[in-house]
């Protein structure tokens, strides 16, 4: 069974940094991409970043130059999201989504999310 787990969230002051981690376990096929999303209270889930297996990442404009997503050099099943210069509007539950190709179909596997709160 495929399982996705995010970690690393917490409370941080404005201007601070956090590093989120997301891992996938179980029997999987080819990893196509890993996406980060976030959902703030009362808002819809929004896309944050997409990383492909060549470690190339596209970012949503509001996080560009502040967030850096990268695949673990020693473990392709782990992805990090380093967040700098955090703002109160970054407060949200952060989710990762692994797009995995198996048997001619690409499946999306989601974690339960990790809470990030930016507040003084």
PDB file of N, CA and C in Angstrom:
ATOM      1  N   UNK A   1       0.850  -1.187   0.000  1.00  0.00           N
ATOM      2  CA  UNK A   1       0.000   0.000   0.000  1.00  0.00           C
ATOM      3  C   UNK A   1       0.892   1.246   0.000  1.00  0.00           C
ATOM      4  N   UNK A   2       0.552   2.175  -0.835  1.00  0.00           N
ATOM      5  CA  UNK A   2       1.341   3.400  -0.949  1.00  0.00           C
ATOM      6  C   UNK A   2       0.920   4.378   0.144  1.00  0.00           C
ATOM      7  N   UNK A   3       1.887   4.937   0.809  1.00  0.00           N
ATOM      8  CA  UNK A   3       1.608   5.893   1.876  1.00  0.00           C
ATOM      9  C   UNK A   3       2.472   7.124   1.679  1.00  0.00           C
ATOM     10  N   UNK A   4       1.871   8.276   1.874  1.00  0.00           N
ATOM     11  CA  UNK A   4       2.574   9.557   1.772  1.00  0.00           C
ATOM     12  C   UNK A   4       2.468  10.260   3.117  1.00  0.00           C
ATOM     13  N   UNK A   5       3.587  10.743   3.612  1.00  0.00           N
ATOM     14  CA  UNK A   5       3.600  11.403   4.909  1.00  0.00           C
ATOM     15  C   UNK A   5       4.378  12.713   4.802  1.00  0.00           C
ATOM     16  N   UNK A   6       3.726  13.796   5.219  1.00  0.00           N
ATOM     17  CA  UNK A   6       4.395  15.092   5.310  1.00  0.00           C
ATOM     18  C   UNK A   6       4.784  15.357   6.755  1.00  0.00           C
ATOM     19  N   UNK A   7       5.845  16.130   6.937  1.00  0.00           N
ATOM     20  CA  UNK A   7       6.253  16.523   8.279  1.00  0.00           C
ATOM     21  C   UNK A   7       7.010  17.842   8.206  1.00  0.00           C
ATOM     22  N   UNK A   8       7.275  18.404   9.385  1.00  0.00           N
ATOM     23  CA  UNK A   8       8.091  19.606   9.441  1.00  0.00           C
ATOM     24  C   UNK A   8       7.341  20.893   9.671  1.00  0.00           C
ATOM     25  N   UNK A   9       6.032  20.828   9.710  1.00  0.00           N
ATOM     26  CA  UNK A   9       5.262  22.039   9.938  1.00  0.00           C
ATOM     27  C   UNK A   9       5.402  22.527  11.375  1.00  0.00           C
ATOM     28  N   UNK A  10       4.884  23.710  11.619  1.00  0.00           N
ATOM     29  CA  UNK A  10       4.944  24.262  12.964  1.00  0.00           C
ATOM     30  C   UNK A  10       4.607  25.734  12.967  1.00  0.00           C
ATOM     31  N   UNK A  11       4.904  26.351  14.093  1.00  0.00           N
ATOM     32  CA  UNK A  11       4.663  27.786  14.280  1.00  0.00           C
ATOM     33  C   UNK A  11       5.975  28.530  14.083  1.00  0.00           C
ATOM     34  N   UNK A  12       5.947  29.556  13.268  1.00  0.00           N
ATOM     35  CA  UNK A  12       7.156  30.336  13.003  1.00  0.00           C
ATOM     36  C   UNK A  12       6.775  31.807  12.914  1.00  0.00           C
ATOM     37  N   UNK A  13       7.682  32.672  13.288  1.00  0.00           N
ATOM     38  CA  UNK A  13       7.422  34.106  13.214  1.00  0.00           C
ATOM     39  C   UNK A  13       7.586  34.600  11.775  1.00  0.00           C
ATOM     40  N   UNK A  14       6.921  35.682  11.443  1.00  0.00           N
ATOM     41  CA  UNK A  14       7.111  36.269  10.108  1.00  0.00           C
ATOM     42  C   UNK A  14       8.588  36.527   9.836  1.00  0.00           C
ATOM     43  N   UNK A  15       8.993  36.183   8.637  1.00  0.00           N
ATOM     44  CA  UNK A  15      10.395  36.311   8.269  1.00  0.00           C
ATOM     45  C   UNK A  15      11.212  35.071   8.543  1.00  0.00           C
ATOM     46  N   UNK A  16      10.636  34.131   9.248  1.00  0.00           N
ATOM     47  CA  UNK A  16      11.349  32.917   9.602  1.00  0.00           C
ATOM     48  C   UNK A  16      11.353  31.883   8.493  1.00  0.00           C
ATOM     49  N   UNK A  17      11.927  30.732   8.822  1.00  0.00           N
ATOM     50  CA  UNK A  17      12.072  29.643   7.849  1.00  0.00           C
ATOM     51  C   UNK A  17      11.573  28.328   8.443  1.00  0.00           C
ATOM     52  N   UNK A  18      11.144  27.458   7.556  1.00  0.00           N
ATOM     53  CA  UNK A  18      10.780  26.089   7.919  1.00  0.00           C
ATOM     54  C   UNK A  18      11.160  25.193   6.758  1.00  0.00           C
ATOM     55  N   UNK A  19      11.426  23.950   7.071  1.00  0.00           N
ATOM     56  CA  UNK A  19      11.642  22.967   6.014  1.00  0.00           C
ATOM     57  C   UNK A  19      10.640  21.830   6.181  1.00  0.00           C
ATOM     58  N   UNK A  20       9.816  21.658   5.177  1.00  0.00           N
ATOM     59  CA  UNK A  20       8.870  20.552   5.158  1.00  0.00           C
ATOM     60  C   UNK A  20       9.503  19.368   4.451  1.00  0.00           C
ATOM     61  N   UNK A  21       9.062  18.204   4.853  1.00  0.00           N
ATOM     62  CA  UNK A  21       9.530  16.969   4.240  1.00  0.00           C
ATOM     63  C   UNK A  21       8.327  16.147   3.816  1.00  0.00           C
ATOM     64  N   UNK A  22       8.471  15.432   2.729  1.00  0.00           N
ATOM     65  CA  UNK A  22       7.391  14.571   2.256  1.00  0.00           C
ATOM     66  C   UNK A  22       7.990  13.298   1.709  1.00  0.00           C
ATOM     67  N   UNK A  23       7.528  12.163   2.207  1.00  0.00           N
ATOM     68  CA  UNK A  23       8.040  10.891   1.742  1.00  0.00           C
ATOM     69  C   UNK A  23       6.933   9.970   1.273  1.00  0.00           C
ATOM     70  N   UNK A  24       7.286   9.089   0.383  1.00  0.00           N
ATOM     71  CA  UNK A  24       6.352   8.082  -0.111  1.00  0.00           C
ATOM     72  C   UNK A  24       6.940   6.703   0.158  1.00  0.00           C
ATOM     73  N   UNK A  25       6.087   5.768   0.586  1.00  0.00           N
ATOM     74  CA  UNK A  25       6.535   4.407   0.859  1.00  0.00           C
ATOM     75  C   UNK A  25       5.589   3.421   0.201  1.00  0.00           C
ATOM     76  N   UNK A  26       6.009   2.161   0.130  1.00  0.00           N
ATOM     77  CA  UNK A  26       5.198   1.131  -0.489  1.00  0.00           C
ATOM     78  C   UNK A  26       5.704   0.810  -1.884  1.00  0.00           C
ATOM     79  N   UNK A  27       4.989  -0.063  -2.529  1.00  0.00           N
ATOM     80  CA  UNK A  27       5.369  -0.485  -3.872  1.00  0.00           C
ATOM     81  C   UNK A  27       4.855   0.538  -4.876  1.00  0.00           C
ATOM     82  N   UNK A  28       5.783   1.171  -5.567  1.00  0.00           N
ATOM     83  CA  UNK A  28       5.379   2.212  -6.508  1.00  0.00           C
ATOM     84  C   UNK A  28       6.045   1.973  -7.853  1.00  0.00           C
ATOM     85  N   UNK A  29       5.492   2.613  -8.874  1.00  0.00           N
ATOM     86  CA  UNK A  29       6.093   2.551 -10.200  1.00  0.00           C
ATOM     87  C   UNK A  29       7.001   3.744 -10.426  1.00  0.00           C
ATOM     88  N   UNK A  30       6.864   4.314 -11.592  1.00  0.00           N
ATOM     89  CA  UNK A  30       7.733   5.433 -11.959  1.00  0.00           C
ATOM     90  C   UNK A  30       7.187   6.752 -11.395  1.00  0.00           C
ATOM     91  N   UNK A  31       8.033   7.461 -10.681  1.00  0.00           N
ATOM     92  CA  UNK A  31       7.636   8.764 -10.149  1.00  0.00           C
ATOM     93  C   UNK A  31       7.652   9.775 -11.298  1.00  0.00           C
ATOM     94  N   UNK A  32       6.535  10.416 -11.519  1.00  0.00           N
ATOM     95  CA  UNK A  32       6.431  11.374 -12.612  1.00  0.00           C
ATOM     96  C   UNK A  32       6.679  12.796 -12.126  1.00  0.00           C
ATOM     97  N   UNK A  33       6.087  13.132 -10.992  1.00  0.00           N
ATOM     98  CA  UNK A  33       6.233  14.486 -10.448  1.00  0.00           C
ATOM     99  C   UNK A  33       5.744  14.475  -9.013  1.00  0.00           C
ATOM    100  N   UNK A  34       6.183  15.460  -8.276  1.00  0.00           N
ATOM    101  CA  UNK A  34       5.706  15.649  -6.899  1.00  0.00           C
ATOM    102  C   UNK A  34       5.260  17.097  -6.795  1.00  0.00           C
ATOM    103  N   UNK A  35       4.054  17.279  -6.277  1.00  0.00           N
ATOM    104  CA  UNK A  35       3.487  18.623  -6.184  1.00  0.00           C
ATOM    105  C   UNK A  35       3.219  18.980  -4.732  1.00  0.00           C
ATOM    106  N   UNK A  36       3.431  20.229  -4.407  1.00  0.00           N
ATOM    107  CA  UNK A  36       3.016  20.768  -3.113  1.00  0.00           C
ATOM    108  C   UNK A  36       1.779  21.638  -3.334  1.00  0.00           C
ATOM    109  N   UNK A  37       0.850  21.488  -2.414  1.00  0.00           N
ATOM    110  CA  UNK A  37      -0.338  22.327  -2.379  1.00  0.00           C
ATOM    111  C   UNK A  37      -0.481  22.856  -0.951  1.00  0.00           C
ATOM    112  N   UNK A  38      -1.306  23.861  -0.809  1.00  0.00           N
ATOM    113  CA  UNK A  38      -1.626  24.334   0.533  1.00  0.00           C
ATOM    114  C   UNK A  38      -3.071  24.791   0.572  1.00  0.00           C
ATOM    115  N   UNK A  39      -3.612  24.720   1.767  1.00  0.00           N
ATOM    116  CA  UNK A  39      -4.998  25.143   1.955  1.00  0.00           C
ATOM    117  C   UNK A  39      -5.088  25.950   3.231  1.00  0.00           C
ATOM    118  N   UNK A  40      -5.417  27.212   3.060  1.00  0.00           N
ATOM    119  CA  UNK A  40      -5.602  28.103   4.201  1.00  0.00           C
ATOM    120  C   UNK A  40      -7.034  27.991   4.703  1.00  0.00           C
ATOM    121  N   UNK A  41      -7.270  28.365   5.955  1.00  0.00           N
ATOM    122  CA  UNK A  41      -8.631  28.275   6.501  1.00  0.00           C
ATOM    123  C   UNK A  41      -9.624  29.062   5.653  1.00  0.00           C
ATOM    124  N   UNK A  42     -10.699  28.401   5.300  1.00  0.00           N
ATOM    125  CA  UNK A  42     -11.747  29.063   4.537  1.00  0.00           C
ATOM    126  C   UNK A  42     -11.444  29.268   3.070  1.00  0.00           C
ATOM    127  N   UNK A  43     -10.340  28.739   2.612  1.00  0.00           N
ATOM    128  CA  UNK A  43      -9.964  28.911   1.205  1.00  0.00           C
ATOM    129  C   UNK A  43      -9.811  27.559   0.523  1.00  0.00           C
ATOM    130  N   UNK A  44      -9.813  27.616  -0.805  1.00  0.00           N
ATOM    131  CA  UNK A  44      -9.610  26.397  -1.556  1.00  0.00           C
ATOM    132  C   UNK A  44      -8.128  26.015  -1.576  1.00  0.00           C
ATOM    133  N   UNK A  45      -7.906  24.740  -1.819  1.00  0.00           N
ATOM    134  CA  UNK A  45      -6.532  24.266  -1.930  1.00  0.00           C
ATOM    135  C   UNK A  45      -5.882  24.915  -3.149  1.00  0.00           C
ATOM    136  N   UNK A  46      -4.645  25.372  -2.983  1.00  0.00           N
ATOM    137  CA  UNK A  46      -3.947  26.004  -4.090  1.00  0.00           C
ATOM    138  C   UNK A  46      -2.599  25.335  -4.323  1.00  0.00           C
ATOM    139  N   UNK A  47      -2.211  25.335  -5.567  1.00  0.00           N
ATOM    140  CA  UNK A  47      -0.938  24.756  -5.974  1.00  0.00           C
ATOM    141  C   UNK A  47       0.205  25.661  -5.542  1.00  0.00           C
ATOM    142  N   UNK A  48       1.312  25.032  -5.092  1.00  0.00           N
ATOM    143  CA  UNK A  48       2.471  25.782  -4.639  1.00  0.00           C
ATOM    144  C   UNK A  48       3.672  25.536  -5.551  1.00  0.00           C
ATOM    145  N   UNK A  49       3.938  24.260  -5.832  1.00  0.00           N
ATOM    146  CA  UNK A  49       5.136  23.947  -6.619  1.00  0.00           C
ATOM    147  C   UNK A  49       5.011  22.541  -7.187  1.00  0.00           C
ATOM    148  N   UNK A  50       5.696  22.301  -8.300  1.00  0.00           N
ATOM    149  CA  UNK A  50       5.811  20.976  -8.908  1.00  0.00           C
ATOM    150  C   UNK A  50       7.267  20.692  -9.191  1.00  0.00           C
ATOM    151  N   UNK A  51       7.712  19.533  -8.727  1.00  0.00           N
ATOM    152  CA  UNK A  51       9.090  19.090  -8.968  1.00  0.00           C
ATOM    153  C   UNK A  51       9.064  17.823  -9.808  1.00  0.00           C
ATOM    154  N   UNK A  52       9.871  17.784 -10.854  1.00  0.00           N
ATOM    155  CA  UNK A  52      10.008  16.569 -11.650  1.00  0.00           C
ATOM    156  C   UNK A  52      11.282  15.837 -11.240  1.00  0.00           C
ATOM    157  N   UNK A  53      11.432  14.628 -11.729  1.00  0.00           N
ATOM    158  CA  UNK A  53      12.503  13.778 -11.215  1.00  0.00           C
ATOM    159  C   UNK A  53      13.897  14.237 -11.605  1.00  0.00           C
ATOM    160  N   UNK A  54      13.994  15.208 -12.491  1.00  0.00           N
ATOM    161  CA  UNK A  54      15.300  15.798 -12.771  1.00  0.00           C
ATOM    162  C   UNK A  54      15.592  16.961 -11.833  1.00  0.00           C
ATOM    163  N   UNK A  55      14.762  17.072 -10.784  1.00  0.00           N
ATOM    164  CA  UNK A  55      14.913  18.109  -9.761  1.00  0.00           C
ATOM    165  C   UNK A  55      14.653  19.526 -10.292  1.00  0.00           C
ATOM    166  N   UNK A  56      13.871  19.600 -11.347  1.00  0.00           N
ATOM    167  CA  UNK A  56      13.417  20.894 -11.851  1.00  0.00           C
ATOM    168  C   UNK A  56      12.083  21.227 -11.206  1.00  0.00           C
ATOM    169  N   UNK A  57      11.935  22.459 -10.748  1.00  0.00           N
ATOM    170  CA  UNK A  57      10.718  22.838 -10.036  1.00  0.00           C
ATOM    171  C   UNK A  57      10.124  24.109 -10.627  1.00  0.00           C
ATOM    172  N   UNK A  58       8.813  24.114 -10.736  1.00  0.00           N
ATOM    173  CA  UNK A  58       8.056  25.322 -11.063  1.00  0.00           C
ATOM    174  C   UNK A  58       7.307  25.761  -9.821  1.00  0.00           C
ATOM    175  N   UNK A  59       7.231  27.080  -9.618  1.00  0.00           N
ATOM    176  CA  UNK A  59       6.635  27.623  -8.403  1.00  0.00           C
ATOM    177  C   UNK A  59       5.497  28.576  -8.719  1.00  0.00           C
ATOM    178  N   UNK A  60       4.553  28.603  -7.812  1.00  0.00           N
ATOM    179  CA  UNK A  60       3.514  29.622  -7.867  1.00  0.00           C
ATOM    180  C   UNK A  60       4.185  30.971  -7.603  1.00  0.00           C
ATOM    181  N   UNK A  61       3.691  32.015  -8.231  1.00  0.00           N
ATOM    182  CA  UNK A  61       4.388  33.302  -8.202  1.00  0.00           C
ATOM    183  C   UNK A  61       4.630  33.843  -6.795  1.00  0.00           C
ATOM    184  N   UNK A  62       3.692  33.661  -5.890  1.00  0.00           N
ATOM    185  CA  UNK A  62       3.826  34.276  -4.571  1.00  0.00           C
ATOM    186  C   UNK A  62       4.916  33.625  -3.717  1.00  0.00           C
ATOM    187  N   UNK A  63       5.366  32.433  -4.095  1.00  0.00           N
ATOM    188  CA  UNK A  63       6.400  31.751  -3.306  1.00  0.00           C
ATOM    189  C   UNK A  63       7.739  31.688  -4.031  1.00  0.00           C
ATOM    190  N   UNK A  64       7.713  32.082  -5.296  1.00  0.00           N
ATOM    191  CA  UNK A  64       8.940  32.046  -6.078  1.00  0.00           C
ATOM    192  C   UNK A  64       9.995  32.899  -5.386  1.00  0.00           C
ATOM    193  N   UNK A  65      11.232  32.411  -5.329  1.00  0.00           N
ATOM    194  CA  UNK A  65      12.367  33.092  -4.700  1.00  0.00           C
ATOM    195  C   UNK A  65      12.341  33.010  -3.173  1.00  0.00           C
ATOM    196  N   UNK A  66      11.264  32.463  -2.610  1.00  0.00           N
ATOM    197  CA  UNK A  66      11.245  32.254  -1.154  1.00  0.00           C
ATOM    198  C   UNK A  66      11.241  30.780  -0.793  1.00  0.00           C
ATOM    199  N   UNK A  67      10.630  29.961  -1.640  1.00  0.00           N
ATOM    200  CA  UNK A  67      10.521  28.528  -1.388  1.00  0.00           C
ATOM    201  C   UNK A  67      11.428  27.779  -2.354  1.00  0.00           C
ATOM    202  N   UNK A  68      12.030  26.709  -1.846  1.00  0.00           N
ATOM    203  CA  UNK A  68      12.871  25.868  -2.696  1.00  0.00           C
ATOM    204  C   UNK A  68      12.484  24.409  -2.461  1.00  0.00           C
ATOM    205  N   UNK A  69      12.061  23.740  -3.521  1.00  0.00           N
ATOM    206  CA  UNK A  69      11.719  22.326  -3.443  1.00  0.00           C
ATOM    207  C   UNK A  69      12.859  21.518  -4.032  1.00  0.00           C
ATOM    208  N   UNK A  70      13.171  20.402  -3.385  1.00  0.00           N
ATOM    209  CA  UNK A  70      14.254  19.573  -3.898  1.00  0.00           C
ATOM    210  C   UNK A  70      14.048  18.131  -3.477  1.00  0.00           C
ATOM    211  N   UNK A  71      14.473  17.228  -4.351  1.00  0.00           N
ATOM    212  CA  UNK A  71      14.439  15.808  -4.049  1.00  0.00           C
ATOM    213  C   UNK A  71      15.713  15.460  -3.292  1.00  0.00           C
ATOM    214  N   UNK A  72      15.568  14.632  -2.276  1.00  0.00           N
ATOM    215  CA  UNK A  72      16.713  14.172  -1.496  1.00  0.00           C
ATOM    216  C   UNK A  72      17.725  13.514  -2.425  1.00  0.00           C
ATOM    217  N   UNK A  73      18.970  13.924  -2.319  1.00  0.00           N
ATOM    218  CA  UNK A  73      20.001  13.378  -3.201  1.00  0.00           C
ATOM    219  C   UNK A  73      20.191  11.873  -3.038  1.00  0.00           C
ATOM    220  N   UNK A  74      19.884  11.373  -1.839  1.00  0.00           N
ATOM    221  CA  UNK A  74      20.124   9.961  -1.560  1.00  0.00           C
ATOM    222  C   UNK A  74      18.848   9.135  -1.517  1.00  0.00           C
ATOM    223  N   UNK A  75      17.726   9.778  -1.749  1.00  0.00           N
ATOM    224  CA  UNK A  75      16.469   9.051  -1.635  1.00  0.00           C
ATOM    225  C   UNK A  75      15.420   9.718  -2.513  1.00  0.00           C
ATOM    226  N   UNK A  76      15.156   9.154  -3.656  1.00  0.00           N
ATOM    227  CA  UNK A  76      14.201   9.759  -4.583  1.00  0.00           C
ATOM    228  C   UNK A  76      12.783   9.727  -4.049  1.00  0.00           C
ATOM    229  N   UNK A  77      12.572   9.040  -2.947  1.00  0.00           N
ATOM    230  CA  UNK A  77      11.234   8.960  -2.362  1.00  0.00           C
ATOM    231  C   UNK A  77      11.017  10.042  -1.308  1.00  0.00           C
ATOM    232  N   UNK A  78      11.914  10.983  -1.207  1.00  0.00           N
ATOM    233  CA  UNK A  78      11.750  12.053  -0.228  1.00  0.00           C
ATOM    234  C   UNK A  78      11.990  13.394  -0.898  1.00  0.00           C
ATOM    235  N   UNK A  79      11.097  14.306  -0.584  1.00  0.00           N
ATOM    236  CA  UNK A  79      11.141  15.648  -1.156  1.00  0.00           C
ATOM    237  C   UNK A  79      11.083  16.655  -0.028  1.00  0.00           C
ATOM    238  N   UNK A  80      11.821  17.736  -0.191  1.00  0.00           N
ATOM    239  CA  UNK A  80      11.818  18.796   0.803  1.00  0.00           C
ATOM    240  C   UNK A  80      11.263  20.084   0.211  1.00  0.00           C
ATOM    241  N   UNK A  81      10.644  20.873   1.064  1.00  0.00           N
ATOM    242  CA  UNK A  81      10.235  22.221   0.677  1.00  0.00           C
ATOM    243  C   UNK A  81      10.826  23.170   1.714  1.00  0.00           C
ATOM    244  N   UNK A  82      11.888  23.837   1.334  1.00  0.00           N
ATOM    245  CA  UNK A  82      12.523  24.813   2.215  1.00  0.00           C
ATOM    246  C   UNK A  82      11.834  26.148   2.008  1.00  0.00           C
ATOM    247  N   UNK A  83      11.311  26.697   3.086  1.00  0.00           N
ATOM    248  CA  UNK A  83      10.540  27.927   3.003  1.00  0.00           C
ATOM    249  C   UNK A  83      11.260  29.022   3.783  1.00  0.00           C
ATOM    250  N   UNK A  84      11.531  30.124   3.120  1.00  0.00           N
ATOM    251  CA  UNK A  84      12.195  31.269   3.738  1.00  0.00           C
ATOM    252  C   UNK A  84      11.279  32.490   3.687  1.00  0.00           C
ATOM    253  N   UNK A  85      11.633  33.487   4.491  1.00  0.00           N
ATOM    254  CA  UNK A  85      10.903  34.765   4.487  1.00  0.00           C
ATOM    255  C   UNK A  85       9.404  34.541   4.584  1.00  0.00           C
ATOM    256  N   UNK A  86       9.026  33.703   5.518  1.00  0.00           N
ATOM    257  CA  UNK A  86       7.622  33.335   5.629  1.00  0.00           C
ATOM    258  C   UNK A  86       6.762  34.522   6.028  1.00  0.00           C
ATOM    259  N   UNK A  87       5.550  34.516   5.488  1.00  0.00           N
ATOM    260  CA  UNK A  87       4.595  35.596   5.728  1.00  0.00           C
ATOM    261  C   UNK A  87       3.338  35.013   6.361  1.00  0.00           C
ATOM    262  N   UNK A  88       2.578  35.833   7.056  1.00  0.00           N
ATOM    263  CA  UNK A  88       1.330  35.319   7.633  1.00  0.00           C
ATOM    264  C   UNK A  88       0.425  34.675   6.579  1.00  0.00           C
ATOM    265  N   UNK A  89       0.449  35.189   5.375  1.00  0.00           N
ATOM    266  CA  UNK A  89      -0.398  34.611   4.330  1.00  0.00           C
ATOM    267  C   UNK A  89       0.092  33.248   3.843  1.00  0.00           C
ATOM    268  N   UNK A  90       1.249  32.798   4.316  1.00  0.00           N
ATOM    269  CA  UNK A  90       1.695  31.451   4.018  1.00  0.00           C
ATOM    270  C   UNK A  90       1.087  30.424   4.968  1.00  0.00           C
ATOM    271  N   UNK A  91       0.378  30.904   5.977  1.00  0.00           N
ATOM    272  CA  UNK A  91      -0.270  30.006   6.928  1.00  0.00           C
ATOM    273  C   UNK A  91      -1.274  29.119   6.213  1.00  0.00           C
ATOM    274  N   UNK A  92      -1.108  27.816   6.366  1.00  0.00           N
ATOM    275  CA  UNK A  92      -1.971  26.858   5.674  1.00  0.00           C
ATOM    276  C   UNK A  92      -1.562  25.451   6.083  1.00  0.00           C
ATOM    277  N   UNK A  93      -2.399  24.496   5.717  1.00  0.00           N
ATOM    278  CA  UNK A  93      -1.983  23.098   5.758  1.00  0.00           C
ATOM    279  C   UNK A  93      -1.332  22.794   4.417  1.00  0.00           C
ATOM    280  N   UNK A  94      -0.136  22.252   4.471  1.00  0.00           N
ATOM    281  CA  UNK A  94       0.626  21.947   3.261  1.00  0.00           C
ATOM    282  C   UNK A  94       0.542  20.452   2.979  1.00  0.00           C
ATOM    283  N   UNK A  95       0.222  20.149   1.734  1.00  0.00           N
ATOM    284  CA  UNK A  95       0.069  18.770   1.288  1.00  0.00           C
ATOM    285  C   UNK A  95       1.052  18.485   0.154  1.00  0.00           C
ATOM    286  N   UNK A  96       1.486  17.231   0.066  1.00  0.00           N
ATOM    287  CA  UNK A  96       2.223  16.849  -1.130  1.00  0.00           C
ATOM    288  C   UNK A  96       1.476  15.739  -1.852  1.00  0.00           C
ATOM    289  N   UNK A  97       1.684  15.715  -3.124  1.00  0.00           N
ATOM    290  CA  UNK A  97       0.989  14.800  -4.025  1.00  0.00           C
ATOM    291  C   UNK A  97       2.033  14.154  -4.929  1.00  0.00           C
ATOM    292  N   UNK A  98       2.124  12.834  -4.857  1.00  0.00           N
ATOM    293  CA  UNK A  98       3.062  12.108  -5.709  1.00  0.00           C
ATOM    294  C   UNK A  98       2.292  11.546  -6.907  1.00  0.00           C
ATOM    295  N   UNK A  99       2.699  11.948  -8.082  1.00  0.00           N
ATOM    296  CA  UNK A  99       2.112  11.418  -9.314  1.00  0.00           C
ATOM    297  C   UNK A  99       2.979  10.253  -9.769  1.00  0.00           C
ATOM    298  N   UNK A 100       2.398   9.051  -9.737  1.00  0.00           N
ATOM    299  CA  UNK A 100       3.178   7.842  -9.980  1.00  0.00           C
ATOM    300  C   UNK A 100       2.537   7.037 -11.095  1.00  0.00           C
ATOM    301  N   UNK A 101       3.368   6.651 -12.056  1.00  0.00           N
ATOM    302  CA  UNK A 101       2.899   5.917 -13.221  1.00  0.00           C
ATOM    303  C   UNK A 101       3.037   4.424 -12.962  1.00  0.00           C
ATOM    304  N   UNK A 102       1.887   3.712 -13.047  1.00  0.00           N
ATOM    305  CA  UNK A 102       1.888   2.263 -12.854  1.00  0.00           C
ATOM    306  C   UNK A 102       0.828   1.658 -13.762  1.00  0.00           C
ATOM    307  N   UNK A 103       1.214   0.630 -14.523  1.00  0.00           N
ATOM    308  CA  UNK A 103       0.233  -0.091 -15.325  1.00  0.00           C
ATOM    309  C   UNK A 103      -0.521   0.802 -16.294  1.00  0.00           C
ATOM    310  N   UNK A 104       0.166   1.728 -16.948  1.00  0.00           N
ATOM    311  CA  UNK A 104      -0.423   2.614 -17.965  1.00  0.00           C
ATOM    312  C   UNK A 104      -1.313   3.706 -17.393  1.00  0.00           C
ATOM    313  N   UNK A 105      -1.303   3.859 -16.089  1.00  0.00           N
ATOM    314  CA  UNK A 105      -2.109   4.907 -15.469  1.00  0.00           C
ATOM    315  C   UNK A 105      -1.225   5.690 -14.511  1.00  0.00           C
ATOM    316  N   UNK A 106      -1.460   6.987 -14.447  1.00  0.00           N
ATOM    317  CA  UNK A 106      -0.772   7.814 -13.452  1.00  0.00           C
ATOM    318  C   UNK A 106      -1.720   8.030 -12.279  1.00  0.00           C
ATOM    319  N   UNK A 107      -1.255   7.642 -11.111  1.00  0.00           N
ATOM    320  CA  UNK A 107      -2.050   7.781  -9.886  1.00  0.00           C
ATOM    321  C   UNK A 107      -1.506   8.940  -9.071  1.00  0.00           C
ATOM    322  N   UNK A 108      -2.392   9.571  -8.341  1.00  0.00           N
ATOM    323  CA  UNK A 108      -1.992  10.624  -7.410  1.00  0.00           C
ATOM    324  C   UNK A 108      -2.160  10.117  -5.986  1.00  0.00           C
ATOM    325  N   UNK A 109      -1.082  10.210  -5.222  1.00  0.00           N
ATOM    326  CA  UNK A 109      -1.106   9.789  -3.826  1.00  0.00           C
ATOM    327  C   UNK A 109      -0.844  11.011  -2.946  1.00  0.00           C
ATOM    328  N   UNK A 110      -1.757  11.218  -2.008  1.00  0.00           N
ATOM    329  CA  UNK A 110      -1.721  12.406  -1.149  1.00  0.00           C
ATOM    330  C   UNK A 110      -1.410  12.030   0.289  1.00  0.00           C
ATOM    331  N   UNK A 111      -0.752  12.964   0.962  1.00  0.00           N
ATOM    332  CA  UNK A 111      -0.574  12.822   2.390  1.00  0.00           C
ATOM    333  C   UNK A 111      -1.686  13.529   3.144  1.00  0.00           C
ATOM    334  N   UNK A 112      -1.584  13.491   4.473  1.00  0.00           N
ATOM    335  CA  UNK A 112      -2.606  14.111   5.322  1.00  0.00           C
ATOM    336  C   UNK A 112      -2.344  15.590   5.572  1.00  0.00           C
ATOM    337  N   UNK A 113      -1.155  16.042   5.215  1.00  0.00           N
ATOM    338  CA  UNK A 113      -0.854  17.455   5.368  1.00  0.00           C
ATOM    339  C   UNK A 113      -0.103  17.765   6.648  1.00  0.00           C
ATOM    340  N   UNK A 114       0.568  18.903   6.635  1.00  0.00           N
ATOM    341  CA  UNK A 114       1.266  19.388   7.829  1.00  0.00           C
ATOM    342  C   UNK A 114       0.969  20.878   7.968  1.00  0.00           C
ATOM    343  N   UNK A 115       0.647  21.282   9.184  1.00  0.00           N
ATOM    344  CA  UNK A 115       0.212  22.658   9.427  1.00  0.00           C
ATOM    345  C   UNK A 115       1.413  23.599   9.541  1.00  0.00           C
ATOM    346  N   UNK A 116       1.340  24.679   8.808  1.00  0.00           N
ATOM    347  CA  UNK A 116       2.322  25.760   8.925  1.00  0.00           C
ATOM    348  C   UNK A 116       1.584  27.007   9.388  1.00  0.00           C
ATOM    349  N   UNK A 117       2.033  27.568  10.481  1.00  0.00           N
ATOM    350  CA  UNK A 117       1.423  28.791  11.015  1.00  0.00           C
ATOM    351  C   UNK A 117       2.490  29.856  11.136  1.00  0.00           C
ATOM    352  N   UNK A 118       2.265  30.974  10.474  1.00  0.00           N
ATOM    353  CA  UNK A 118       3.204  32.091  10.514  1.00  0.00           C
ATOM    354  C   UNK A 118       2.543  33.217  11.287  1.00  0.00           C
ATOM    355  N   UNK A 119       3.055  33.462  12.468  1.00  0.00           N
ATOM    356  CA  UNK A 119       2.415  34.445  13.342  1.00  0.00           C
ATOM    357  C   UNK A 119       3.415  34.936  14.369  1.00  0.00           C
ATOM    358  N   UNK A 120       3.247  36.190  14.764  1.00  0.00           N
ATOM    359  CA  UNK A 120       4.089  36.739  15.829  1.00  0.00           C
ATOM    360  C   UNK A 120       3.402  36.585  17.175  1.00  0.00           C
TER     361      UNK A 120
END
